Amino acid sequence: MVLSWILNVLSKPLADSVIYVETASSVWKDLEEHFSRTNAPRVFHLKRSIATIQHGMDSLVDYFTRLKVLWDELASHAPTVTCICGAPIAPQSTAQEERVYQFLMGLSL
């Protein structure tokens, strides 16, 4: 039933690419692999925008919002890191520290 639903909501060319897959789980994994590829030029543009953004005459709220929009889009391009061992994943705290530095570097003094 789930497989039928997935195939019915996909566009015809996309559905044709997975029509012979036998399980919904396999279709899902195939689609995830297809659409999870990163867009390197966009990632580069986002990282450059983050590195060069300046507070300028904007309010702190506007400046932070512009940065947050860029950070969120960049995060959507990052690969998903999963750990089967149950250990905490450290890159999250490193990413938060990096955001603090980026925010401070763009402030107008």
PDB file of N, CA and C in Angstrom:
ATOM      1  N   MET A   1       0.828  -1.181   0.000  1.00  0.00           N
ATOM      2  CA  MET A   1       0.000   0.000   0.000  1.00  0.00           C
ATOM      3  C   MET A   1       0.882   1.258   0.000  1.00  0.00           C
ATOM      4  N   VAL A   2       1.912   1.281   0.833  1.00  0.00           N
ATOM      5  CA  VAL A   2       2.805   2.438   0.904  1.00  0.00           C
ATOM      6  C   VAL A   2       3.562   2.601  -0.405  1.00  0.00           C
ATOM      7  N   LEU A   3       4.021   1.501  -0.969  1.00  0.00           N
ATOM      8  CA  LEU A   3       4.737   1.545  -2.239  1.00  0.00           C
ATOM      9  C   LEU A   3       3.847   2.139  -3.328  1.00  0.00           C
ATOM     10  N   SER A   4       2.614   1.720  -3.378  1.00  0.00           N
ATOM     11  CA  SER A   4       1.663   2.242  -4.363  1.00  0.00           C
ATOM     12  C   SER A   4       1.471   3.748  -4.176  1.00  0.00           C
ATOM     13  N   TRP A   5       1.341   4.188  -2.930  1.00  0.00           N
ATOM     14  CA  TRP A   5       1.150   5.609  -2.658  1.00  0.00           C
ATOM     15  C   TRP A   5       2.366   6.409  -3.124  1.00  0.00           C
ATOM     16  N   ILE A   6       3.564   5.930  -2.800  1.00  0.00           N
ATOM     17  CA  ILE A   6       4.789   6.635  -3.204  1.00  0.00           C
ATOM     18  C   ILE A   6       4.848   6.751  -4.717  1.00  0.00           C
ATOM     19  N   LEU A   7       4.591   5.657  -5.421  1.00  0.00           N
ATOM     20  CA  LEU A   7       4.661   5.676  -6.887  1.00  0.00           C
ATOM     21  C   LEU A   7       3.615   6.614  -7.485  1.00  0.00           C
ATOM     22  N   ASN A   8       2.459   6.732  -6.853  1.00  0.00           N
ATOM     23  CA  ASN A   8       1.399   7.601  -7.372  1.00  0.00           C
ATOM     24  C   ASN A   8       1.665   9.083  -7.157  1.00  0.00           C
ATOM     25  N   VAL A   9       2.455   9.440  -6.162  1.00  0.00           N
ATOM     26  CA  VAL A   9       2.714  10.858  -5.909  1.00  0.00           C
ATOM     27  C   VAL A   9       3.967  11.371  -6.623  1.00  0.00           C
ATOM     28  N   LEU A  10       4.762  10.459  -7.160  1.00  0.00           N
ATOM     29  CA  LEU A  10       5.973  10.869  -7.882  1.00  0.00           C
ATOM     30  C   LEU A  10       5.625  11.315  -9.291  1.00  0.00           C
ATOM     31  N   SER A  11       6.450  12.205  -9.834  1.00  0.00           N
ATOM     32  CA  SER A  11       6.278  12.582 -11.238  1.00  0.00           C
ATOM     33  C   SER A  11       6.530  11.352 -12.103  1.00  0.00           C
ATOM     34  N   LYS A  12       5.978  11.343 -13.308  1.00  0.00           N
ATOM     35  CA  LYS A  12       6.095  10.167 -14.190  1.00  0.00           C
ATOM     36  C   LYS A  12       7.543   9.762 -14.427  1.00  0.00           C
ATOM     37  N   PRO A  13       8.447  10.690 -14.803  1.00  0.00           N
ATOM     38  CA  PRO A  13       9.831  10.259 -15.034  1.00  0.00           C
ATOM     39  C   PRO A  13      10.501   9.680 -13.782  1.00  0.00           C
ATOM     40  N   LEU A  14      10.210  10.266 -12.640  1.00  0.00           N
ATOM     41  CA  LEU A  14      10.799   9.768 -11.395  1.00  0.00           C
ATOM     42  C   LEU A  14      10.204   8.418 -11.018  1.00  0.00           C
ATOM     43  N   ALA A  15       8.901   8.275 -11.168  1.00  0.00           N
ATOM     44  CA  ALA A  15       8.255   6.994 -10.879  1.00  0.00           C
ATOM     45  C   ALA A  15       8.790   5.897 -11.796  1.00  0.00           C
ATOM     46  N   ASP A  16       9.025   6.243 -13.068  1.00  0.00           N
ATOM     47  CA  ASP A  16       9.575   5.266 -14.012  1.00  0.00           C
ATOM     48  C   ASP A  16      10.954   4.777 -13.577  1.00  0.00           C
ATOM     49  N   SER A  17      11.703   5.632 -12.869  1.00  0.00           N
ATOM     50  CA  SER A  17      13.052   5.239 -12.461  1.00  0.00           C
ATOM     51  C   SER A  17      13.054   4.251 -11.292  1.00  0.00           C
ATOM     52  N   VAL A  18      11.928   4.149 -10.583  1.00  0.00           N
ATOM     53  CA  VAL A  18      11.860   3.239  -9.435  1.00  0.00           C
ATOM     54  C   VAL A  18      10.725   2.231  -9.541  1.00  0.00           C
ATOM     55  N   ILE A  19      10.122   2.116 -10.710  1.00  0.00           N
ATOM     56  CA  ILE A  19       8.934   1.271 -10.881  1.00  0.00           C
ATOM     57  C   ILE A  19       9.205  -0.197 -10.572  1.00  0.00           C
ATOM     58  N   TYR A  20      10.413  -0.666 -10.803  1.00  0.00           N
ATOM     59  CA  TYR A  20      10.711  -2.084 -10.596  1.00  0.00           C
ATOM     60  C   TYR A  20      11.310  -2.396  -9.226  1.00  0.00           C
ATOM     61  N   VAL A  21      11.408  -1.399  -8.374  1.00  0.00           N
ATOM     62  CA  VAL A  21      11.888  -1.630  -7.010  1.00  0.00           C
ATOM     63  C   VAL A  21      10.758  -2.324  -6.246  1.00  0.00           C
ATOM     64  N   GLU A  22      11.099  -3.318  -5.451  1.00  0.00           N
ATOM     65  CA  GLU A  22      10.075  -4.188  -4.873  1.00  0.00           C
ATOM     66  C   GLU A  22       9.457  -3.703  -3.561  1.00  0.00           C
ATOM     67  N   THR A  23      10.185  -2.925  -2.767  1.00  0.00           N
ATOM     68  CA  THR A  23       9.639  -2.515  -1.467  1.00  0.00           C
ATOM     69  C   THR A  23       9.640  -0.998  -1.333  1.00  0.00           C
ATOM     70  N   ALA A  24       8.746  -0.506  -0.496  1.00  0.00           N
ATOM     71  CA  ALA A  24       8.667   0.930  -0.242  1.00  0.00           C
ATOM     72  C   ALA A  24       9.966   1.437   0.371  1.00  0.00           C
ATOM     73  N   SER A  25      10.543   0.632   1.236  1.00  0.00           N
ATOM     74  CA  SER A  25      11.804   1.010   1.865  1.00  0.00           C
ATOM     75  C   SER A  25      12.912   1.189   0.822  1.00  0.00           C
ATOM     76  N   SER A  26      12.963   0.295  -0.145  1.00  0.00           N
ATOM     77  CA  SER A  26      13.982   0.393  -1.196  1.00  0.00           C
ATOM     78  C   SER A  26      13.761   1.619  -2.072  1.00  0.00           C
ATOM     79  N   VAL A  27      12.492   1.916  -2.370  1.00  0.00           N
ATOM     80  CA  VAL A  27      12.179   3.120  -3.151  1.00  0.00           C
ATOM     81  C   VAL A  27      12.618   4.353  -2.375  1.00  0.00           C
ATOM     82  N   TRP A  28      12.299   4.376  -1.093  1.00  0.00           N
ATOM     83  CA  TRP A  28      12.658   5.518  -0.248  1.00  0.00           C
ATOM     84  C   TRP A  28      14.167   5.729  -0.224  1.00  0.00           C
ATOM     85  N   LYS A  29      14.924   4.637  -0.062  1.00  0.00           N
ATOM     86  CA  LYS A  29      16.383   4.737  -0.040  1.00  0.00           C
ATOM     87  C   LYS A  29      16.925   5.213  -1.375  1.00  0.00           C
ATOM     88  N   ASP A  30      16.340   4.741  -2.467  1.00  0.00           N
ATOM     89  CA  ASP A  30      16.759   5.168  -3.799  1.00  0.00           C
ATOM     90  C   ASP A  30      16.509   6.661  -3.991  1.00  0.00           C
ATOM     91  N   LEU A  31      15.335   7.126  -3.579  1.00  0.00           N
ATOM     92  CA  LEU A  31      15.008   8.555  -3.696  1.00  0.00           C
ATOM     93  C   LEU A  31      15.897   9.402  -2.790  1.00  0.00           C
ATOM     94  N   GLU A  32      16.161   8.904  -1.595  1.00  0.00           N
ATOM     95  CA  GLU A  32      17.042   9.625  -0.677  1.00  0.00           C
ATOM     96  C   GLU A  32      18.430   9.782  -1.288  1.00  0.00           C
ATOM     97  N   GLU A  33      18.951   8.708  -1.872  1.00  0.00           N
ATOM     98  CA  GLU A  33      20.266   8.770  -2.505  1.00  0.00           C
ATOM     99  C   GLU A  33      20.259   9.741  -3.680  1.00  0.00           C
ATOM    100  N   HIS A  34      19.193   9.715  -4.437  1.00  0.00           N
ATOM    101  CA  HIS A  34      19.085  10.591  -5.611  1.00  0.00           C
ATOM    102  C   HIS A  34      19.045  12.067  -5.225  1.00  0.00           C
ATOM    103  N   PHE A  35      18.265  12.397  -4.198  1.00  0.00           N
ATOM    104  CA  PHE A  35      18.056  13.799  -3.847  1.00  0.00           C
ATOM    105  C   PHE A  35      18.969  14.320  -2.752  1.00  0.00           C
ATOM    106  N   SER A  36      19.773  13.467  -2.135  1.00  0.00           N
ATOM    107  CA  SER A  36      20.630  13.936  -1.053  1.00  0.00           C
ATOM    108  C   SER A  36      21.998  14.387  -1.538  1.00  0.00           C
ATOM    109  N   ARG A  37      22.222  14.376  -2.815  1.00  0.00           N
ATOM    110  CA  ARG A  37      23.503  14.851  -3.336  1.00  0.00           C
ATOM    111  C   ARG A  37      23.637  16.342  -3.051  1.00  0.00           C
ATOM    112  N   THR A  38      24.818  16.723  -2.649  1.00  0.00           N
ATOM    113  CA  THR A  38      25.021  18.132  -2.339  1.00  0.00           C
ATOM    114  C   THR A  38      25.249  18.928  -3.601  1.00  0.00           C
ATOM    115  N   ASN A  39      24.913  20.164  -3.537  1.00  0.00           N
ATOM    116  CA  ASN A  39      25.094  21.081  -4.637  1.00  0.00           C
ATOM    117  C   ASN A  39      26.330  21.915  -4.315  1.00  0.00           C
ATOM    118  N   ALA A  40      27.495  21.466  -4.773  1.00  0.00           N
ATOM    119  CA  ALA A  40      28.767  22.091  -4.407  1.00  0.00           C
ATOM    120  C   ALA A  40      28.825  23.581  -4.743  1.00  0.00           C
ATOM    121  N   PRO A  41      28.375  24.020  -5.915  1.00  0.00           N
ATOM    122  CA  PRO A  41      28.415  25.468  -6.182  1.00  0.00           C
ATOM    123  C   PRO A  41      27.574  26.274  -5.190  1.00  0.00           C
ATOM    124  N   ARG A  42      26.401  25.745  -4.828  1.00  0.00           N
ATOM    125  CA  ARG A  42      25.548  26.458  -3.875  1.00  0.00           C
ATOM    126  C   ARG A  42      26.190  26.479  -2.494  1.00  0.00           C
ATOM    127  N   VAL A  43      26.781  25.371  -2.077  1.00  0.00           N
ATOM    128  CA  VAL A  43      27.467  25.305  -0.778  1.00  0.00           C
ATOM    129  C   VAL A  43      28.601  26.319  -0.751  1.00  0.00           C
ATOM    130  N   PHE A  44      29.366  26.397  -1.837  1.00  0.00           N
ATOM    131  CA  PHE A  44      30.453  27.376  -1.927  1.00  0.00           C
ATOM    132  C   PHE A  44      29.908  28.792  -1.787  1.00  0.00           C
ATOM    133  N   HIS A  45      28.825  29.099  -2.511  1.00  0.00           N
ATOM    134  CA  HIS A  45      28.230  30.436  -2.454  1.00  0.00           C
ATOM    135  C   HIS A  45      27.752  30.756  -1.035  1.00  0.00           C
ATOM    136  N   LEU A  46      27.120  29.798  -0.375  1.00  0.00           N
ATOM    137  CA  LEU A  46      26.645  30.022   0.991  1.00  0.00           C
ATOM    138  C   LEU A  46      27.793  30.280   1.951  1.00  0.00           C
ATOM    139  N   LYS A  47      28.855  29.467   1.835  1.00  0.00           N
ATOM    140  CA  LYS A  47      30.007  29.653   2.727  1.00  0.00           C
ATOM    141  C   LYS A  47      30.673  30.997   2.486  1.00  0.00           C
ATOM    142  N   ARG A  48      30.758  31.421   1.228  1.00  0.00           N
ATOM    143  CA  ARG A  48      31.358  32.724   0.943  1.00  0.00           C
ATOM    144  C   ARG A  48      30.480  33.846   1.490  1.00  0.00           C
ATOM    145  N   SER A  49      29.166  33.711   1.332  1.00  0.00           N
ATOM    146  CA  SER A  49      28.246  34.722   1.864  1.00  0.00           C
ATOM    147  C   SER A  49      28.362  34.829   3.372  1.00  0.00           C
ATOM    148  N   ILE A  50      28.464  33.687   4.045  1.00  0.00           N
ATOM    149  CA  ILE A  50      28.606  33.686   5.507  1.00  0.00           C
ATOM    150  C   ILE A  50      29.922  34.348   5.909  1.00  0.00           C
ATOM    151  N   ALA A  51      30.975  34.067   5.167  1.00  0.00           N
ATOM    152  CA  ALA A  51      32.297  34.612   5.512  1.00  0.00           C
ATOM    153  C   ALA A  51      32.386  36.111   5.269  1.00  0.00           C
ATOM    154  N   THR A  52      31.584  36.634   4.360  1.00  0.00           N
ATOM    155  CA  THR A  52      31.717  38.048   4.004  1.00  0.00           C
ATOM    156  C   THR A  52      30.570  38.924   4.496  1.00  0.00           C
ATOM    157  N   ILE A  53      29.578  38.337   5.133  1.00  0.00           N
ATOM    158  CA  ILE A  53      28.439  39.125   5.598  1.00  0.00           C
ATOM    159  C   ILE A  53      28.887  40.103   6.684  1.00  0.00           C
ATOM    160  N   GLN A  54      28.351  41.292   6.638  1.00  0.00           N
ATOM    161  CA  GLN A  54      28.717  42.339   7.595  1.00  0.00           C
ATOM    162  C   GLN A  54      27.463  42.908   8.253  1.00  0.00           C
ATOM    163  N   HIS A  55      27.605  43.304   9.481  1.00  0.00           N
ATOM    164  CA  HIS A  55      26.534  43.913  10.258  1.00  0.00           C
ATOM    165  C   HIS A  55      26.124  45.233   9.620  1.00  0.00           C
ATOM    166  N   GLY A  56      27.084  46.060   9.296  1.00  0.00           N
ATOM    167  CA  GLY A  56      26.809  47.345   8.656  1.00  0.00           C
ATOM    168  C   GLY A  56      25.852  48.197   9.455  1.00  0.00           C
ATOM    169  N   MET A  57      24.869  48.753   8.781  1.00  0.00           N
ATOM    170  CA  MET A  57      23.893  49.644   9.416  1.00  0.00           C
ATOM    171  C   MET A  57      22.627  48.900   9.851  1.00  0.00           C
ATOM    172  N   ASP A  58      22.580  47.587   9.618  1.00  0.00           N
ATOM    173  CA  ASP A  58      21.406  46.801  10.010  1.00  0.00           C
ATOM    174  C   ASP A  58      21.318  46.676  11.522  1.00  0.00           C
ATOM    175  N   SER A  59      20.129  46.421  12.007  1.00  0.00           N
ATOM    176  CA  SER A  59      19.989  46.128  13.432  1.00  0.00           C
ATOM    177  C   SER A  59      20.613  44.759  13.694  1.00  0.00           C
ATOM    178  N   LEU A  60      20.926  44.499  14.957  1.00  0.00           N
ATOM    179  CA  LEU A  60      21.482  43.192  15.309  1.00  0.00           C
ATOM    180  C   LEU A  60      20.517  42.063  14.947  1.00  0.00           C
ATOM    181  N   VAL A  61      19.227  42.311  15.095  1.00  0.00           N
ATOM    182  CA  VAL A  61      18.229  41.293  14.772  1.00  0.00           C
ATOM    183  C   VAL A  61      18.255  40.986  13.278  1.00  0.00           C
ATOM    184  N   ASP A  62      18.305  42.028  12.444  1.00  0.00           N
ATOM    185  CA  ASP A  62      18.347  41.813  10.994  1.00  0.00           C
ATOM    186  C   ASP A  62      19.636  41.111  10.576  1.00  0.00           C
ATOM    187  N   TYR A  63      20.738  41.525  11.147  1.00  0.00           N
ATOM    188  CA  TYR A  63      22.032  40.897  10.847  1.00  0.00           C
ATOM    189  C   TYR A  63      22.016  39.421  11.227  1.00  0.00           C
ATOM    190  N   PHE A  64      21.555  39.128  12.441  1.00  0.00           N
ATOM    191  CA  PHE A  64      21.496  37.738  12.887  1.00  0.00           C
ATOM    192  C   PHE A  64      20.541  36.926  12.013  1.00  0.00           C
ATOM    193  N   THR A  65      19.411  37.497  11.640  1.00  0.00           N
ATOM    194  CA  THR A  65      18.438  36.789  10.799  1.00  0.00           C
ATOM    195  C   THR A  65      19.035  36.454   9.445  1.00  0.00           C
ATOM    196  N   ARG A  66      19.764  37.393   8.848  1.00  0.00           N
ATOM    197  CA  ARG A  66      20.416  37.111   7.555  1.00  0.00           C
ATOM    198  C   ARG A  66      21.412  35.962   7.707  1.00  0.00           C
ATOM    199  N   LEU A  67      22.181  35.982   8.780  1.00  0.00           N
ATOM    200  CA  LEU A  67      23.129  34.892   9.030  1.00  0.00           C
ATOM    201  C   LEU A  67      22.401  33.566   9.258  1.00  0.00           C
ATOM    202  N   LYS A  68      21.362  33.584  10.040  1.00  0.00           N
ATOM    203  CA  LYS A  68      20.630  32.354  10.359  1.00  0.00           C
ATOM    204  C   LYS A  68      20.032  31.728   9.113  1.00  0.00           C
ATOM    205  N   VAL A  69      19.510  32.530   8.216  1.00  0.00           N
ATOM    206  CA  VAL A  69      18.964  32.003   6.961  1.00  0.00           C
ATOM    207  C   VAL A  69      20.057  31.274   6.185  1.00  0.00           C
ATOM    208  N   LEU A  70      21.237  31.876   6.111  1.00  0.00           N
ATOM    209  CA  LEU A  70      22.361  31.243   5.410  1.00  0.00           C
ATOM    210  C   LEU A  70      22.803  29.961   6.122  1.00  0.00           C
ATOM    211  N   TRP A  71      22.915  30.009   7.456  1.00  0.00           N
ATOM    212  CA  TRP A  71      23.315  28.822   8.226  1.00  0.00           C
ATOM    213  C   TRP A  71      22.326  27.676   8.024  1.00  0.00           C
ATOM    214  N   ASP A  72      21.030  28.006   8.058  1.00  0.00           N
ATOM    215  CA  ASP A  72      20.013  26.966   7.911  1.00  0.00           C
ATOM    216  C   ASP A  72      20.054  26.323   6.531  1.00  0.00           C
ATOM    217  N   GLU A  73      20.225  27.145   5.503  1.00  0.00           N
ATOM    218  CA  GLU A  73      20.313  26.578   4.160  1.00  0.00           C
ATOM    219  C   GLU A  73      21.571  25.730   4.019  1.00  0.00           C
ATOM    220  N   LEU A  74      22.688  26.205   4.563  1.00  0.00           N
ATOM    221  CA  LEU A  74      23.927  25.433   4.503  1.00  0.00           C
ATOM    222  C   LEU A  74      23.754  24.100   5.235  1.00  0.00           C
ATOM    223  N   ALA A  75      23.094  24.119   6.366  1.00  0.00           N
ATOM    224  CA  ALA A  75      22.861  22.880   7.130  1.00  0.00           C
ATOM    225  C   ALA A  75      22.012  21.897   6.333  1.00  0.00           C
ATOM    226  N   SER A  76      21.113  22.410   5.496  1.00  0.00           N
ATOM    227  CA  SER A  76      20.277  21.508   4.703  1.00  0.00           C
ATOM    228  C   SER A  76      21.082  20.776   3.639  1.00  0.00           C
ATOM    229  N   HIS A  77      22.265  21.289   3.303  1.00  0.00           N
ATOM    230  CA  HIS A  77      23.136  20.639   2.321  1.00  0.00           C
ATOM    231  C   HIS A  77      24.141  19.693   2.973  1.00  0.00           C
ATOM    232  N   ALA A  78      24.235  19.725   4.286  1.00  0.00           N
ATOM    233  CA  ALA A  78      25.223  18.885   4.988  1.00  0.00           C
ATOM    234  C   ALA A  78      24.740  17.442   5.029  1.00  0.00           C
ATOM    235  N   PRO A  79      25.664  16.502   4.882  1.00  0.00           N
ATOM    236  CA  PRO A  79      25.256  15.101   4.977  1.00  0.00           C
ATOM    237  C   PRO A  79      24.822  14.768   6.397  1.00  0.00           C
ATOM    238  N   THR A  80      23.892  13.861   6.501  1.00  0.00           N
ATOM    239  CA  THR A  80      23.400  13.433   7.802  1.00  0.00           C
ATOM    240  C   THR A  80      24.403  12.479   8.435  1.00  0.00           C
ATOM    241  N   VAL A  81      24.819  12.804   9.653  1.00  0.00           N
ATOM    242  CA  VAL A  81      25.780  11.961  10.367  1.00  0.00           C
ATOM    243  C   VAL A  81      25.017  11.163  11.407  1.00  0.00           C
ATOM    244  N   THR A  82      25.108   9.853  11.293  1.00  0.00           N
ATOM    245  CA  THR A  82      24.440   9.007  12.276  1.00  0.00           C
ATOM    246  C   THR A  82      25.459   8.083  12.922  1.00  0.00           C
ATOM    247  N   CYS A  83      25.214   7.783  14.162  1.00  0.00           N
ATOM    248  CA  CYS A  83      26.101   6.891  14.901  1.00  0.00           C
ATOM    249  C   CYS A  83      25.267   5.744  15.454  1.00  0.00           C
ATOM    250  N   ILE A  84      25.647   4.539  15.124  1.00  0.00           N
ATOM    251  CA  ILE A  84      24.895   3.393  15.611  1.00  0.00           C
ATOM    252  C   ILE A  84      25.315   2.969  17.019  1.00  0.00           C
ATOM    253  N   CYS A  85      26.395   3.573  17.507  1.00  0.00           N
ATOM    254  CA  CYS A  85      26.897   3.189  18.829  1.00  0.00           C
ATOM    255  C   CYS A  85      26.208   3.940  19.959  1.00  0.00           C
ATOM    256  N   GLY A  86      25.473   4.986  19.648  1.00  0.00           N
ATOM    257  CA  GLY A  86      24.780   5.758  20.661  1.00  0.00           C
ATOM    258  C   GLY A  86      25.614   6.854  21.295  1.00  0.00           C
ATOM    259  N   ALA A  87      26.866   7.009  20.849  1.00  0.00           N
ATOM    260  CA  ALA A  87      27.738   8.053  21.399  1.00  0.00           C
ATOM    261  C   ALA A  87      27.299   9.419  20.883  1.00  0.00           C
ATOM    262  N   PRO A  88      27.451  10.458  21.688  1.00  0.00           N
ATOM    263  CA  PRO A  88      27.103  11.807  21.216  1.00  0.00           C
ATOM    264  C   PRO A  88      27.997  12.209  20.051  1.00  0.00           C
ATOM    265  N   ILE A  89      27.443  12.985  19.152  1.00  0.00           N
ATOM    266  CA  ILE A  89      28.196  13.430  17.987  1.00  0.00           C
ATOM    267  C   ILE A  89      28.701  14.845  18.251  1.00  0.00           C
ATOM    268  N   ALA A  90      30.002  15.006  18.295  1.00  0.00           N
ATOM    269  CA  ALA A  90      30.643  16.258  18.685  1.00  0.00           C
ATOM    270  C   ALA A  90      30.554  17.393  17.677  1.00  0.00           C
ATOM    271  N   PRO A  91      30.460  17.151  16.361  1.00  0.00           N
ATOM    272  CA  PRO A  91      30.484  18.284  15.429  1.00  0.00           C
ATOM    273  C   PRO A  91      29.432  19.348  15.700  1.00  0.00           C
ATOM    274  N   GLN A  92      28.330  19.012  16.358  1.00  0.00           N
ATOM    275  CA  GLN A  92      27.291  19.996  16.642  1.00  0.00           C
ATOM    276  C   GLN A  92      27.834  21.141  17.494  1.00  0.00           C
ATOM    277  N   SER A  93      28.585  20.819  18.552  1.00  0.00           N
ATOM    278  CA  SER A  93      29.122  21.870  19.409  1.00  0.00           C
ATOM    279  C   SER A  93      30.170  22.684  18.665  1.00  0.00           C
ATOM    280  N   THR A  94      30.946  22.051  17.810  1.00  0.00           N
ATOM    281  CA  THR A  94      31.932  22.768  17.008  1.00  0.00           C
ATOM    282  C   THR A  94      31.238  23.715  16.044  1.00  0.00           C
ATOM    283  N   ALA A  95      30.156  23.276  15.451  1.00  0.00           N
ATOM    284  CA  ALA A  95      29.406  24.123  14.520  1.00  0.00           C
ATOM    285  C   ALA A  95      28.830  25.337  15.253  1.00  0.00           C
ATOM    286  N   GLN A  96      28.350  25.148  16.464  1.00  0.00           N
ATOM    287  CA  GLN A  96      27.808  26.265  17.240  1.00  0.00           C
ATOM    288  C   GLN A  96      28.898  27.290  17.556  1.00  0.00           C
ATOM    289  N   GLU A  97      30.071  26.806  17.935  1.00  0.00           N
ATOM    290  CA  GLU A  97      31.186  27.715  18.199  1.00  0.00           C
ATOM    291  C   GLU A  97      31.553  28.491  16.937  1.00  0.00           C
ATOM    292  N   GLU A  98      31.577  27.807  15.817  1.00  0.00           N
ATOM    293  CA  GLU A  98      31.907  28.450  14.544  1.00  0.00           C
ATOM    294  C   GLU A  98      30.901  29.550  14.217  1.00  0.00           C
ATOM    295  N   ARG A  99      29.637  29.310  14.495  1.00  0.00           N
ATOM    296  CA  ARG A  99      28.603  30.322  14.245  1.00  0.00           C
ATOM    297  C   ARG A  99      28.812  31.555  15.118  1.00  0.00           C
ATOM    298  N   VAL A 100      29.209  31.343  16.358  1.00  0.00           N
ATOM    299  CA  VAL A 100      29.471  32.477  17.251  1.00  0.00           C
ATOM    300  C   VAL A 100      30.603  33.323  16.688  1.00  0.00           C
ATOM    301  N   TYR A 101      31.688  32.674  16.252  1.00  0.00           N
ATOM    302  CA  TYR A 101      32.815  33.417  15.679  1.00  0.00           C
ATOM    303  C   TYR A 101      32.398  34.156  14.408  1.00  0.00           C
ATOM    304  N   GLN A 102      31.624  33.508  13.552  1.00  0.00           N
ATOM    305  CA  GLN A 102      31.160  34.160  12.324  1.00  0.00           C
ATOM    306  C   GLN A 102      30.320  35.376  12.637  1.00  0.00           C
ATOM    307  N   PHE A 103      29.437  35.243  13.625  1.00  0.00           N
ATOM    308  CA  PHE A 103      28.601  36.366  14.023  1.00  0.00           C
ATOM    309  C   PHE A 103      29.448  37.523  14.525  1.00  0.00           C
ATOM    310  N   LEU A 104      30.407  37.230  15.404  1.00  0.00           N
ATOM    311  CA  LEU A 104      31.238  38.279  15.974  1.00  0.00           C
ATOM    312  C   LEU A 104      32.139  38.938  14.920  1.00  0.00           C
ATOM    313  N   MET A 105      32.660  38.160  13.978  1.00  0.00           N
ATOM    314  CA  MET A 105      33.546  38.712  12.954  1.00  0.00           C
ATOM    315  C   MET A 105      32.813  39.691  12.041  1.00  0.00           C
ATOM    316  N   GLY A 106      31.508  39.512  11.872  1.00  0.00           N
ATOM    317  CA  GLY A 106      30.765  40.403  10.986  1.00  0.00           C
ATOM    318  C   GLY A 106      30.232  41.656  11.642  1.00  0.00           C
ATOM    319  N   LEU A 107      30.394  41.766  12.960  1.00  0.00           N
ATOM    320  CA  LEU A 107      29.888  42.941  13.658  1.00  0.00           C
ATOM    321  C   LEU A 107      30.678  44.180  13.311  1.00  0.00           C
ATOM    322  N   SER A 108      29.974  45.280  13.202  1.00  0.00           N
ATOM    323  CA  SER A 108      30.629  46.572  12.980  1.00  0.00           C
ATOM    324  C   SER A 108      31.016  47.137  14.330  1.00  0.00           C
ATOM    325  N   LEU A 109      32.291  47.431  14.469  1.00  0.00           N
ATOM    326  CA  LEU A 109      32.771  47.956  15.748  1.00  0.00           C
ATOM    327  C   LEU A 109      32.889  49.456  15.721  1.00  0.00           C
TER     328      LEU A 109
END
